[in-house]
Amino acid sequence: MGQPITTNPWLIALINMSVVFGVLGALGLVIGAIRMIDPTQKKTAKVESKVEAPATAPVAAVAVQSNDDVIAVIAAAIASYGYSFSQIACIRRVSGGEGWAQAARVEAVTVRNQMF
């Protein structure tokens, strides 16, 4: 009872790979069956719209954002992190993309310091 059936490593690897891919195939079938009977999946019905497109297409307008719009978007993004609008001290424009380069340098130094 203590003797192994085989000691051939290729046969053992073949058996193990067969078991792994057999289990993966079975899981794929289970997932496919769950997709078919999923009660939470929204049923899509093709609805033909009877609304006709207008004869003339609207001309695309160029949106020019003012500084107020940009400030509002930045303030909303900062507020989404949990800060209040009163905690925002200053918003200033960084010229020429230097901010991205500086942020990359700071991140590289921070990561390097955390590694050692």
PDB file of N, CA and C in Angstrom:
ATOM      1  N   MET A   1       0.819  -1.189   0.000  1.00  0.00           N
ATOM      2  CA  MET A   1       0.000   0.000   0.000  1.00  0.00           C
ATOM      3  C   MET A   1       0.867   1.260   0.000  1.00  0.00           C
ATOM      4  N   GLY A   2       2.113   1.174   0.396  1.00  0.00           N
ATOM      5  CA  GLY A   2       2.987   2.321   0.470  1.00  0.00           C
ATOM      6  C   GLY A   2       3.684   2.620  -0.829  1.00  0.00           C
ATOM      7  N   GLN A   3       3.598   1.768  -1.831  1.00  0.00           N
ATOM      8  CA  GLN A   3       4.267   1.964  -3.105  1.00  0.00           C
ATOM      9  C   GLN A   3       3.455   2.895  -4.010  1.00  0.00           C
ATOM     10  N   PRO A   4       4.111   3.912  -4.628  1.00  0.00           N
ATOM     11  CA  PRO A   4       3.385   4.763  -5.575  1.00  0.00           C
ATOM     12  C   PRO A   4       3.087   3.985  -6.855  1.00  0.00           C
ATOM     13  N   ILE A   5       2.010   4.365  -7.525  1.00  0.00           N
ATOM     14  CA  ILE A   5       1.619   3.688  -8.756  1.00  0.00           C
ATOM     15  C   ILE A   5       2.643   3.963  -9.847  1.00  0.00           C
ATOM     16  N   THR A   6       3.109   5.193  -9.933  1.00  0.00           N
ATOM     17  CA  THR A   6       4.121   5.536 -10.926  1.00  0.00           C
ATOM     18  C   THR A   6       5.065   6.578 -10.343  1.00  0.00           C
ATOM     19  N   THR A   7       6.289   6.555 -10.832  1.00  0.00           N
ATOM     20  CA  THR A   7       7.272   7.562 -10.431  1.00  0.00           C
ATOM     21  C   THR A   7       7.709   8.387 -11.632  1.00  0.00           C
ATOM     22  N   ASN A   8       7.075   8.161 -12.778  1.00  0.00           N
ATOM     23  CA  ASN A   8       7.407   8.894 -13.987  1.00  0.00           C
ATOM     24  C   ASN A   8       6.893  10.335 -13.854  1.00  0.00           C
ATOM     25  N   PRO A   9       7.794  11.318 -13.836  1.00  0.00           N
ATOM     26  CA  PRO A   9       7.347  12.707 -13.637  1.00  0.00           C
ATOM     27  C   PRO A   9       6.481  13.226 -14.780  1.00  0.00           C
ATOM     28  N   TRP A  10       6.691  12.770 -16.012  1.00  0.00           N
ATOM     29  CA  TRP A  10       5.881  13.216 -17.142  1.00  0.00           C
ATOM     30  C   TRP A  10       4.453  12.726 -17.022  1.00  0.00           C
ATOM     31  N   LEU A  11       4.290  11.501 -16.549  1.00  0.00           N
ATOM     32  CA  LEU A  11       2.942  10.966 -16.374  1.00  0.00           C
ATOM     33  C   LEU A  11       2.220  11.685 -15.238  1.00  0.00           C
ATOM     34  N   ILE A  12       2.938  11.989 -14.173  1.00  0.00           N
ATOM     35  CA  ILE A  12       2.344  12.719 -13.049  1.00  0.00           C
ATOM     36  C   ILE A  12       1.927  14.128 -13.500  1.00  0.00           C
ATOM     37  N   ALA A  13       2.791  14.788 -14.293  1.00  0.00           N
ATOM     38  CA  ALA A  13       2.468  16.127 -14.791  1.00  0.00           C
ATOM     39  C   ALA A  13       1.259  16.071 -15.723  1.00  0.00           C
ATOM     40  N   LEU A  14       1.183  15.060 -16.581  1.00  0.00           N
ATOM     41  CA  LEU A  14       0.049  14.909 -17.487  1.00  0.00           C
ATOM     42  C   LEU A  14      -1.254  14.697 -16.718  1.00  0.00           C
ATOM     43  N   ILE A  15      -1.206  13.878 -15.676  1.00  0.00           N
ATOM     44  CA  ILE A  15      -2.400  13.638 -14.851  1.00  0.00           C
ATOM     45  C   ILE A  15      -2.826  14.932 -14.152  1.00  0.00           C
ATOM     46  N   ASN A  16      -1.874  15.645 -13.584  1.00  0.00           N
ATOM     47  CA  ASN A  16      -2.193  16.899 -12.879  1.00  0.00           C
ATOM     48  C   ASN A  16      -2.772  17.943 -13.827  1.00  0.00           C
ATOM     49  N   MET A  17      -2.172  18.083 -15.011  1.00  0.00           N
ATOM     50  CA  MET A  17      -2.689  19.051 -15.981  1.00  0.00           C
ATOM     51  C   MET A  17      -4.084  18.660 -16.451  1.00  0.00           C
ATOM     52  N   SER A  18      -4.319  17.377 -16.618  1.00  0.00           N
ATOM     53  CA  SER A  18      -5.647  16.913 -17.027  1.00  0.00           C
ATOM     54  C   SER A  18      -6.684  17.252 -15.964  1.00  0.00           C
ATOM     55  N   VAL A  19      -6.324  17.075 -14.714  1.00  0.00           N
ATOM     56  CA  VAL A  19      -7.253  17.392 -13.625  1.00  0.00           C
ATOM     57  C   VAL A  19      -7.540  18.895 -13.599  1.00  0.00           C
ATOM     58  N   VAL A  20      -6.499  19.712 -13.742  1.00  0.00           N
ATOM     59  CA  VAL A  20      -6.678  21.166 -13.695  1.00  0.00           C
ATOM     60  C   VAL A  20      -7.582  21.633 -14.826  1.00  0.00           C
ATOM     61  N   PHE A  21      -7.289  21.200 -16.054  1.00  0.00           N
ATOM     62  CA  PHE A  21      -8.103  21.659 -17.180  1.00  0.00           C
ATOM     63  C   PHE A  21      -9.496  21.047 -17.154  1.00  0.00           C
ATOM     64  N   GLY A  22      -9.642  19.861 -16.601  1.00  0.00           N
ATOM     65  CA  GLY A  22     -10.977  19.286 -16.440  1.00  0.00           C
ATOM     66  C   GLY A  22     -11.824  20.109 -15.482  1.00  0.00           C
ATOM     67  N   VAL A  23     -11.231  20.537 -14.367  1.00  0.00           N
ATOM     68  CA  VAL A  23     -11.956  21.371 -13.399  1.00  0.00           C
ATOM     69  C   VAL A  23     -12.288  22.729 -14.020  1.00  0.00           C
ATOM     70  N   LEU A  24     -11.334  23.324 -14.779  1.00  0.00           N
ATOM     71  CA  LEU A  24     -11.615  24.606 -15.433  1.00  0.00           C
ATOM     72  C   LEU A  24     -12.745  24.469 -16.446  1.00  0.00           C
ATOM     73  N   GLY A  25     -12.770  23.387 -17.189  1.00  0.00           N
ATOM     74  CA  GLY A  25     -13.859  23.165 -18.138  1.00  0.00           C
ATOM     75  C   GLY A  25     -15.192  23.021 -17.438  1.00  0.00           C
ATOM     76  N   ALA A  26     -15.204  22.280 -16.320  1.00  0.00           N
ATOM     77  CA  ALA A  26     -16.439  22.107 -15.561  1.00  0.00           C
ATOM     78  C   ALA A  26     -16.925  23.452 -15.005  1.00  0.00           C
ATOM     79  N   LEU A  27     -15.990  24.268 -14.524  1.00  0.00           N
ATOM     80  CA  LEU A  27     -16.377  25.603 -14.028  1.00  0.00           C
ATOM     81  C   LEU A  27     -16.934  26.467 -15.159  1.00  0.00           C
ATOM     82  N   GLY A  28     -16.365  26.350 -16.355  1.00  0.00           N
ATOM     83  CA  GLY A  28     -16.887  27.094 -17.498  1.00  0.00           C
ATOM     84  C   GLY A  28     -18.314  26.680 -17.815  1.00  0.00           C
ATOM     85  N   LEU A  29     -18.600  25.384 -17.740  1.00  0.00           N
ATOM     86  CA  LEU A  29     -19.965  24.915 -17.976  1.00  0.00           C
ATOM     87  C   LEU A  29     -20.927  25.416 -16.906  1.00  0.00           C
ATOM     88  N   VAL A  30     -20.477  25.428 -15.656  1.00  0.00           N
ATOM     89  CA  VAL A  30     -21.325  25.921 -14.562  1.00  0.00           C
ATOM     90  C   VAL A  30     -21.614  27.410 -14.753  1.00  0.00           C
ATOM     91  N   ILE A  31     -20.589  28.176 -15.140  1.00  0.00           N
ATOM     92  CA  ILE A  31     -20.795  29.610 -15.357  1.00  0.00           C
ATOM     93  C   ILE A  31     -21.754  29.837 -16.520  1.00  0.00           C
ATOM     94  N   GLY A  32     -21.622  29.060 -17.584  1.00  0.00           N
ATOM     95  CA  GLY A  32     -22.535  29.180 -18.712  1.00  0.00           C
ATOM     96  C   GLY A  32     -23.968  28.857 -18.328  1.00  0.00           C
ATOM     97  N   ALA A  33     -24.147  27.813 -17.478  1.00  0.00           N
ATOM     98  CA  ALA A  33     -25.496  27.463 -17.021  1.00  0.00           C
ATOM     99  C   ALA A  33     -26.075  28.564 -16.144  1.00  0.00           C
ATOM    100  N   ILE A  34     -25.248  29.161 -15.308  1.00  0.00           N
ATOM    101  CA  ILE A  34     -25.734  30.240 -14.438  1.00  0.00           C
ATOM    102  C   ILE A  34     -26.142  31.443 -15.281  1.00  0.00           C
ATOM    103  N   ARG A  35     -25.387  31.735 -16.341  1.00  0.00           N
ATOM    104  CA  ARG A  35     -25.751  32.849 -17.218  1.00  0.00           C
ATOM    105  C   ARG A  35     -27.105  32.623 -17.879  1.00  0.00           C
ATOM    106  N   MET A  36     -27.390  31.363 -18.241  1.00  0.00           N
ATOM    107  CA  MET A  36     -28.659  31.077 -18.907  1.00  0.00           C
ATOM    108  C   MET A  36     -29.859  31.231 -17.981  1.00  0.00           C
ATOM    109  N   ILE A  37     -29.688  30.880 -16.712  1.00  0.00           N
ATOM    110  CA  ILE A  37     -30.826  30.884 -15.800  1.00  0.00           C
ATOM    111  C   ILE A  37     -30.795  32.047 -14.819  1.00  0.00           C
ATOM    112  N   ASP A  38     -29.896  33.003 -15.033  1.00  0.00           N
ATOM    113  CA  ASP A  38     -29.728  34.124 -14.110  1.00  0.00           C
ATOM    114  C   ASP A  38     -30.990  34.984 -14.074  1.00  0.00           C
ATOM    115  N   PRO A  39     -31.681  35.046 -12.910  1.00  0.00           N
ATOM    116  CA  PRO A  39     -32.903  35.851 -12.831  1.00  0.00           C
ATOM    117  C   PRO A  39     -32.621  37.347 -12.717  1.00  0.00           C
ATOM    118  N   THR A  40     -31.407  37.727 -12.357  1.00  0.00           N
ATOM    119  CA  THR A  40     -31.103  39.144 -12.186  1.00  0.00           C
ATOM    120  C   THR A  40     -30.668  39.800 -13.485  1.00  0.00           C
ATOM    121  N   GLN A  41     -30.427  39.014 -14.516  1.00  0.00           N
ATOM    122  CA  GLN A  41     -29.986  39.574 -15.783  1.00  0.00           C
ATOM    123  C   GLN A  41     -31.141  40.307 -16.462  1.00  0.00           C
ATOM    124  N   LYS A  42     -30.861  41.495 -16.926  1.00  0.00           N
ATOM    125  CA  LYS A  42     -31.898  42.283 -17.572  1.00  0.00           C
ATOM    126  C   LYS A  42     -32.162  41.719 -18.957  1.00  0.00           C
ATOM    127  N   LYS A  43     -33.401  41.563 -19.258  1.00  0.00           N
ATOM    128  CA  LYS A  43     -33.790  41.078 -20.571  1.00  0.00           C
ATOM    129  C   LYS A  43     -33.813  42.264 -21.520  1.00  0.00           C
ATOM    130  N   THR A  44     -33.172  42.123 -22.643  1.00  0.00           N
ATOM    131  CA  THR A  44     -33.147  43.210 -23.609  1.00  0.00           C
ATOM    132  C   THR A  44     -34.131  42.898 -24.721  1.00  0.00           C
ATOM    133  N   ALA A  45     -35.028  43.797 -24.915  1.00  0.00           N
ATOM    134  CA  ALA A  45     -36.013  43.657 -25.983  1.00  0.00           C
ATOM    135  C   ALA A  45     -35.743  44.745 -27.011  1.00  0.00           C
ATOM    136  N   LYS A  46     -35.776  44.365 -28.250  1.00  0.00           N
ATOM    137  CA  LYS A  46     -35.527  45.342 -29.303  1.00  0.00           C
ATOM    138  C   LYS A  46     -36.795  46.167 -29.515  1.00  0.00           C
ATOM    139  N   VAL A  47     -36.648  47.429 -29.248  1.00  0.00           N
ATOM    140  CA  VAL A  47     -37.762  48.352 -29.419  1.00  0.00           C
ATOM    141  C   VAL A  47     -37.420  49.274 -30.576  1.00  0.00           C
ATOM    142  N   GLU A  48     -38.264  49.273 -31.565  1.00  0.00           N
ATOM    143  CA  GLU A  48     -38.033  50.145 -32.699  1.00  0.00           C
ATOM    144  C   GLU A  48     -38.602  51.519 -32.384  1.00  0.00           C
ATOM    145  N   SER A  49     -37.757  52.506 -32.534  1.00  0.00           N
ATOM    146  CA  SER A  49     -38.234  53.855 -32.243  1.00  0.00           C
ATOM    147  C   SER A  49     -38.904  54.409 -33.489  1.00  0.00           C
ATOM    148  N   LYS A  50     -39.979  55.087 -33.290  1.00  0.00           N
ATOM    149  CA  LYS A  50     -40.745  55.653 -34.395  1.00  0.00           C
ATOM    150  C   LYS A  50     -40.404  57.123 -34.597  1.00  0.00           C
ATOM    151  N   VAL A  51     -39.418  57.629 -33.824  1.00  0.00           N
ATOM    152  CA  VAL A  51     -39.027  59.022 -33.937  1.00  0.00           C
ATOM    153  C   VAL A  51     -38.053  59.139 -35.098  1.00  0.00           C
ATOM    154  N   GLU A  52     -38.329  60.043 -35.994  1.00  0.00           N
ATOM    155  CA  GLU A  52     -37.468  60.243 -37.145  1.00  0.00           C
ATOM    156  C   GLU A  52     -36.414  61.282 -36.815  1.00  0.00           C
ATOM    157  N   ALA A  53     -35.266  61.115 -37.409  1.00  0.00           N
ATOM    158  CA  ALA A  53     -34.190  62.076 -37.219  1.00  0.00           C
ATOM    159  C   ALA A  53     -34.545  63.373 -37.916  1.00  0.00           C
ATOM    160  N   PRO A  54     -34.114  64.499 -37.375  1.00  0.00           N
ATOM    161  CA  PRO A  54     -34.402  65.768 -38.034  1.00  0.00           C
ATOM    162  C   PRO A  54     -33.716  65.830 -39.392  1.00  0.00           C
ATOM    163  N   ALA A  55     -34.292  66.610 -40.292  1.00  0.00           N
ATOM    164  CA  ALA A  55     -33.778  66.693 -41.659  1.00  0.00           C
ATOM    165  C   ALA A  55     -32.386  67.305 -41.698  1.00  0.00           C
ATOM    166  N   THR A  56     -32.138  68.295 -40.843  1.00  0.00           N
ATOM    167  CA  THR A  56     -30.818  68.911 -40.822  1.00  0.00           C
ATOM    168  C   THR A  56     -30.132  68.542 -39.519  1.00  0.00           C
ATOM    169  N   ALA A  57     -28.909  68.152 -39.626  1.00  0.00           N
ATOM    170  CA  ALA A  57     -28.144  67.811 -38.426  1.00  0.00           C
ATOM    171  C   ALA A  57     -27.685  69.098 -37.760  1.00  0.00           C
ATOM    172  N   PRO A  58     -27.692  69.125 -36.423  1.00  0.00           N
ATOM    173  CA  PRO A  58     -27.239  70.339 -35.741  1.00  0.00           C
ATOM    174  C   PRO A  58     -25.737  70.532 -35.943  1.00  0.00           C
ATOM    175  N   VAL A  59     -25.329  71.762 -36.003  1.00  0.00           N
ATOM    176  CA  VAL A  59     -23.923  72.090 -36.177  1.00  0.00           C
ATOM    177  C   VAL A  59     -23.227  71.902 -34.836  1.00  0.00           C
ATOM    178  N   ALA A  60     -22.082  71.238 -34.856  1.00  0.00           N
ATOM    179  CA  ALA A  60     -21.335  71.007 -33.624  1.00  0.00           C
ATOM    180  C   ALA A  60     -20.792  72.330 -33.115  1.00  0.00           C
ATOM    181  N   ALA A  61     -21.055  72.604 -31.881  1.00  0.00           N
ATOM    182  CA  ALA A  61     -20.593  73.851 -31.276  1.00  0.00           C
ATOM    183  C   ALA A  61     -19.304  73.580 -30.516  1.00  0.00           C
ATOM    184  N   VAL A  62     -18.402  74.498 -30.570  1.00  0.00           N
ATOM    185  CA  VAL A  62     -17.148  74.381 -29.844  1.00  0.00           C
ATOM    186  C   VAL A  62     -17.384  74.899 -28.438  1.00  0.00           C
ATOM    187  N   ALA A  63     -17.138  74.039 -27.456  1.00  0.00           N
ATOM    188  CA  ALA A  63     -17.362  74.443 -26.073  1.00  0.00           C
ATOM    189  C   ALA A  63     -16.107  75.121 -25.536  1.00  0.00           C
ATOM    190  N   VAL A  64     -16.262  76.334 -25.110  1.00  0.00           N
ATOM    191  CA  VAL A  64     -15.163  77.074 -24.522  1.00  0.00           C
ATOM    192  C   VAL A  64     -15.411  77.123 -23.025  1.00  0.00           C
ATOM    193  N   GLN A  65     -14.483  76.559 -22.299  1.00  0.00           N
ATOM    194  CA  GLN A  65     -14.660  76.529 -20.851  1.00  0.00           C
ATOM    195  C   GLN A  65     -14.004  77.762 -20.232  1.00  0.00           C
ATOM    196  N   SER A  66     -14.721  78.356 -19.344  1.00  0.00           N
ATOM    197  CA  SER A  66     -14.144  79.483 -18.631  1.00  0.00           C
ATOM    198  C   SER A  66     -13.401  78.955 -17.413  1.00  0.00           C
ATOM    199  N   ASN A  67     -12.675  79.826 -16.772  1.00  0.00           N
ATOM    200  CA  ASN A  67     -11.941  79.420 -15.575  1.00  0.00           C
ATOM    201  C   ASN A  67     -12.889  78.992 -14.469  1.00  0.00           C
ATOM    202  N   ASP A  68     -14.089  79.573 -14.441  1.00  0.00           N
ATOM    203  CA  ASP A  68     -15.053  79.194 -13.414  1.00  0.00           C
ATOM    204  C   ASP A  68     -15.469  77.734 -13.563  1.00  0.00           C
ATOM    205  N   ASP A  69     -15.651  77.295 -14.820  1.00  0.00           N
ATOM    206  CA  ASP A  69     -16.021  75.896 -15.047  1.00  0.00           C
ATOM    207  C   ASP A  69     -14.907  74.955 -14.608  1.00  0.00           C
ATOM    208  N   VAL A  70     -13.684  75.303 -14.949  1.00  0.00           N
ATOM    209  CA  VAL A  70     -12.538  74.466 -14.592  1.00  0.00           C
ATOM    210  C   VAL A  70     -12.392  74.404 -13.075  1.00  0.00           C
ATOM    211  N   ILE A  71     -12.545  75.511 -12.412  1.00  0.00           N
ATOM    212  CA  ILE A  71     -12.434  75.553 -10.952  1.00  0.00           C
ATOM    213  C   ILE A  71     -13.545  74.727 -10.314  1.00  0.00           C
ATOM    214  N   ALA A  72     -14.746  74.802 -10.868  1.00  0.00           N
ATOM    215  CA  ALA A  72     -15.855  74.020 -10.321  1.00  0.00           C
ATOM    216  C   ALA A  72     -15.597  72.521 -10.464  1.00  0.00           C
ATOM    217  N   VAL A  73     -15.049  72.112 -11.596  1.00  0.00           N
ATOM    218  CA  VAL A  73     -14.754  70.689 -11.803  1.00  0.00           C
ATOM    219  C   VAL A  73     -13.651  70.226 -10.862  1.00  0.00           C
ATOM    220  N   ILE A  74     -12.612  71.009 -10.713  1.00  0.00           N
ATOM    221  CA  ILE A  74     -11.519  70.637  -9.804  1.00  0.00           C
ATOM    222  C   ILE A  74     -12.013  70.580  -8.368  1.00  0.00           C
ATOM    223  N   ALA A  75     -12.818  71.529  -7.958  1.00  0.00           N
ATOM    224  CA  ALA A  75     -13.358  71.535  -6.594  1.00  0.00           C
ATOM    225  C   ALA A  75     -14.260  70.325  -6.361  1.00  0.00           C
ATOM    226  N   ALA A  76     -15.046  69.963  -7.371  1.00  0.00           N
ATOM    227  CA  ALA A  76     -15.909  68.787  -7.223  1.00  0.00           C
ATOM    228  C   ALA A  76     -15.082  67.508  -7.121  1.00  0.00           C
ATOM    229  N   ALA A  77     -13.991  67.429  -7.885  1.00  0.00           N
ATOM    230  CA  ALA A  77     -13.128  66.244  -7.809  1.00  0.00           C
ATOM    231  C   ALA A  77     -12.473  66.146  -6.439  1.00  0.00           C
ATOM    232  N   ILE A  78     -12.022  67.261  -5.896  1.00  0.00           N
ATOM    233  CA  ILE A  78     -11.413  67.240  -4.562  1.00  0.00           C
ATOM    234  C   ILE A  78     -12.462  66.915  -3.508  1.00  0.00           C
ATOM    235  N   ALA A  79     -13.662  67.430  -3.666  1.00  0.00           N
ATOM    236  CA  ALA A  79     -14.739  67.149  -2.711  1.00  0.00           C
ATOM    237  C   ALA A  79     -15.133  65.673  -2.756  1.00  0.00           C
ATOM    238  N   SER A  80     -14.958  65.029  -3.912  1.00  0.00           N
ATOM    239  CA  SER A  80     -15.305  63.611  -3.993  1.00  0.00           C
ATOM    240  C   SER A  80     -14.361  62.751  -3.165  1.00  0.00           C
ATOM    241  N   TYR A  81     -13.196  63.280  -2.834  1.00  0.00           N
ATOM    242  CA  TYR A  81     -12.271  62.559  -1.958  1.00  0.00           C
ATOM    243  C   TYR A  81     -12.604  62.761  -0.487  1.00  0.00           C
ATOM    244  N   GLY A  82     -13.606  63.551  -0.177  1.00  0.00           N
ATOM    245  CA  GLY A  82     -14.044  63.706   1.200  1.00  0.00           C
ATOM    246  C   GLY A  82     -13.682  65.043   1.821  1.00  0.00           C
ATOM    247  N   TYR A  83     -13.061  65.910   1.066  1.00  0.00           N
ATOM    248  CA  TYR A  83     -12.723  67.222   1.589  1.00  0.00           C
ATOM    249  C   TYR A  83     -13.880  68.176   1.336  1.00  0.00           C
ATOM    250  N   SER A  84     -14.001  69.186   2.192  1.00  0.00           N
ATOM    251  CA  SER A  84     -15.052  70.177   1.975  1.00  0.00           C
ATOM    252  C   SER A  84     -14.488  71.307   1.119  1.00  0.00           C
ATOM    253  N   PHE A  85     -15.401  72.086   0.543  1.00  0.00           N
ATOM    254  CA  PHE A  85     -14.966  73.182  -0.305  1.00  0.00           C
ATOM    255  C   PHE A  85     -14.187  74.231   0.486  1.00  0.00           C
ATOM    256  N   SER A  86     -14.448  74.337   1.788  1.00  0.00           N
ATOM    257  CA  SER A  86     -13.736  75.323   2.597  1.00  0.00           C
ATOM    258  C   SER A  86     -12.295  74.901   2.861  1.00  0.00           C
ATOM    259  N   GLN A  87     -11.964  73.614   2.655  1.00  0.00           N
ATOM    260  CA  GLN A  87     -10.592  73.151   2.876  1.00  0.00           C
ATOM    261  C   GLN A  87      -9.701  73.382   1.655  1.00  0.00           C
ATOM    262  N   ILE A  88     -10.265  73.780   0.542  1.00  0.00           N
ATOM    263  CA  ILE A  88      -9.476  74.046  -0.651  1.00  0.00           C
ATOM    264  C   ILE A  88      -8.906  75.454  -0.526  1.00  0.00           C
ATOM    265  N   ALA A  89      -7.590  75.552  -0.407  1.00  0.00           N
ATOM    266  CA  ALA A  89      -6.967  76.849  -0.181  1.00  0.00           C
ATOM    267  C   ALA A  89      -6.716  77.592  -1.485  1.00  0.00           C
ATOM    268  N   CYS A  90      -6.215  76.889  -2.503  1.00  0.00           N
ATOM    269  CA  CYS A  90      -5.824  77.581  -3.719  1.00  0.00           C
ATOM    270  C   CYS A  90      -5.843  76.600  -4.886  1.00  0.00           C
ATOM    271  N   ILE A  91      -6.280  77.079  -6.037  1.00  0.00           N
ATOM    272  CA  ILE A  91      -6.190  76.314  -7.273  1.00  0.00           C
ATOM    273  C   ILE A  91      -5.457  77.195  -8.256  1.00  0.00           C
ATOM    274  N   ARG A  92      -4.274  76.738  -8.708  1.00  0.00           N
ATOM    275  CA  ARG A  92      -3.519  77.541  -9.656  1.00  0.00           C
ATOM    276  C   ARG A  92      -3.076  76.674 -10.823  1.00  0.00           C
ATOM    277  N   ARG A  93      -2.956  77.275 -11.977  1.00  0.00           N
ATOM    278  CA  ARG A  93      -2.559  76.577 -13.193  1.00  0.00           C
ATOM    279  C   ARG A  93      -1.044  76.404 -13.195  1.00  0.00           C
ATOM    280  N   VAL A  94      -0.602  75.183 -13.541  1.00  0.00           N
ATOM    281  CA  VAL A  94       0.814  74.914 -13.685  1.00  0.00           C
ATOM    282  C   VAL A  94       1.126  74.983 -15.171  1.00  0.00           C
ATOM    283  N   SER A  95       2.139  75.732 -15.529  1.00  0.00           N
ATOM    284  CA  SER A  95       2.399  75.966 -16.950  1.00  0.00           C
ATOM    285  C   SER A  95       3.171  74.811 -17.583  1.00  0.00           C
ATOM    286  N   GLY A  96       2.824  74.499 -18.821  1.00  0.00           N
ATOM    287  CA  GLY A  96       3.617  73.626 -19.668  1.00  0.00           C
ATOM    288  C   GLY A  96       3.722  72.172 -19.268  1.00  0.00           C
ATOM    289  N   GLY A  97       2.829  71.653 -18.496  1.00  0.00           N
ATOM    290  CA  GLY A  97       2.900  70.237 -18.152  1.00  0.00           C
ATOM    291  C   GLY A  97       3.999  69.905 -17.168  1.00  0.00           C
ATOM    292  N   GLU A  98       4.590  70.901 -16.533  1.00  0.00           N
ATOM    293  CA  GLU A  98       5.648  70.638 -15.565  1.00  0.00           C
ATOM    294  C   GLU A  98       5.115  69.917 -14.336  1.00  0.00           C
ATOM    295  N   GLY A  99       3.829  70.074 -14.078  1.00  0.00           N
ATOM    296  CA  GLY A  99       3.240  69.419 -12.907  1.00  0.00           C
ATOM    297  C   GLY A  99       3.289  67.905 -13.009  1.00  0.00           C
ATOM    298  N   TRP A 100       3.049  67.375 -14.225  1.00  0.00           N
ATOM    299  CA  TRP A 100       3.089  65.918 -14.416  1.00  0.00           C
ATOM    300  C   TRP A 100       4.507  65.393 -14.199  1.00  0.00           C
ATOM    301  N   ALA A 101       5.498  66.108 -14.715  1.00  0.00           N
ATOM    302  CA  ALA A 101       6.882  65.669 -14.564  1.00  0.00           C
ATOM    303  C   ALA A 101       7.293  65.715 -13.102  1.00  0.00           C
ATOM    304  N   GLN A 102       6.901  66.773 -12.419  1.00  0.00           N
ATOM    305  CA  GLN A 102       7.234  66.889 -10.997  1.00  0.00           C
ATOM    306  C   GLN A 102       6.556  65.792 -10.192  1.00  0.00           C
ATOM    307  N   ALA A 103       5.296  65.493 -10.497  1.00  0.00           N
ATOM    308  CA  ALA A 103       4.586  64.429  -9.788  1.00  0.00           C
ATOM    309  C   ALA A 103       5.250  63.085 -10.029  1.00  0.00           C
ATOM    310  N   ALA A 104       5.735  62.844 -11.248  1.00  0.00           N
ATOM    311  CA  ALA A 104       6.420  61.590 -11.554  1.00  0.00           C
ATOM    312  C   ALA A 104       7.721  61.482 -10.770  1.00  0.00           C
ATOM    313  N   ARG A 105       8.461  62.576 -10.660  1.00  0.00           N
ATOM    314  CA  ARG A 105       9.708  62.559  -9.885  1.00  0.00           C
ATOM    315  C   ARG A 105       9.432  62.279  -8.413  1.00  0.00           C
ATOM    316  N   VAL A 106       8.417  62.935  -7.864  1.00  0.00           N
ATOM    317  CA  VAL A 106       8.083  62.727  -6.449  1.00  0.00           C
ATOM    318  C   VAL A 106       7.650  61.286  -6.212  1.00  0.00           C
ATOM    319  N   GLU A 107       6.859  60.744  -7.130  1.00  0.00           N
ATOM    320  CA  GLU A 107       6.421  59.358  -6.976  1.00  0.00           C
ATOM    321  C   GLU A 107       7.591  58.389  -7.056  1.00  0.00           C
ATOM    322  N   ALA A 108       8.526  58.624  -7.964  1.00  0.00           N
ATOM    323  CA  ALA A 108       9.686  57.744  -8.100  1.00  0.00           C
ATOM    324  C   ALA A 108      10.528  57.755  -6.831  1.00  0.00           C
ATOM    325  N   VAL A 109      10.734  58.930  -6.261  1.00  0.00           N
ATOM    326  CA  VAL A 109      11.519  59.024  -5.029  1.00  0.00           C
ATOM    327  C   VAL A 109      10.779  58.362  -3.874  1.00  0.00           C
ATOM    328  N   THR A 110       9.477  58.562  -3.800  1.00  0.00           N
ATOM    329  CA  THR A 110       8.683  57.969  -2.723  1.00  0.00           C
ATOM    330  C   THR A 110       8.709  56.453  -2.799  1.00  0.00           C
ATOM    331  N   VAL A 111       8.534  55.916  -3.997  1.00  0.00           N
ATOM    332  CA  VAL A 111       8.544  54.461  -4.157  1.00  0.00           C
ATOM    333  C   VAL A 111       9.914  53.902  -3.824  1.00  0.00           C
ATOM    334  N   ARG A 112      10.956  54.578  -4.281  1.00  0.00           N
ATOM    335  CA  ARG A 112      12.312  54.115  -3.992  1.00  0.00           C
ATOM    336  C   ARG A 112      12.584  54.127  -2.487  1.00  0.00           C
ATOM    337  N   ASN A 113      12.115  55.157  -1.779  1.00  0.00           N
ATOM    338  CA  ASN A 113      12.326  55.224  -0.335  1.00  0.00           C
ATOM    339  C   ASN A 113      11.527  54.158   0.412  1.00  0.00           C
ATOM    340  N   GLN A 114      10.374  53.798  -0.103  1.00  0.00           N
ATOM    341  CA  GLN A 114       9.577  52.780   0.554  1.00  0.00           C
ATOM    342  C   GLN A 114      10.162  51.390   0.364  1.00  0.00           C
ATOM    343  N   MET A 115      10.937  51.198  -0.700  1.00  0.00           N
ATOM    344  CA  MET A 115      11.523  49.888  -0.965  1.00  0.00           C
ATOM    345  C   MET A 115      12.667  49.574  -0.024  1.00  0.00           C
ATOM    346  N   PHE A 116      13.384  50.620   0.427  1.00  0.00           N
ATOM    347  CA  PHE A 116      14.565  50.376   1.269  1.00  0.00           C
ATOM    348  C   PHE A 116      14.353  50.765   2.669  1.00  0.00           C
TER     349      PHE A 116
END
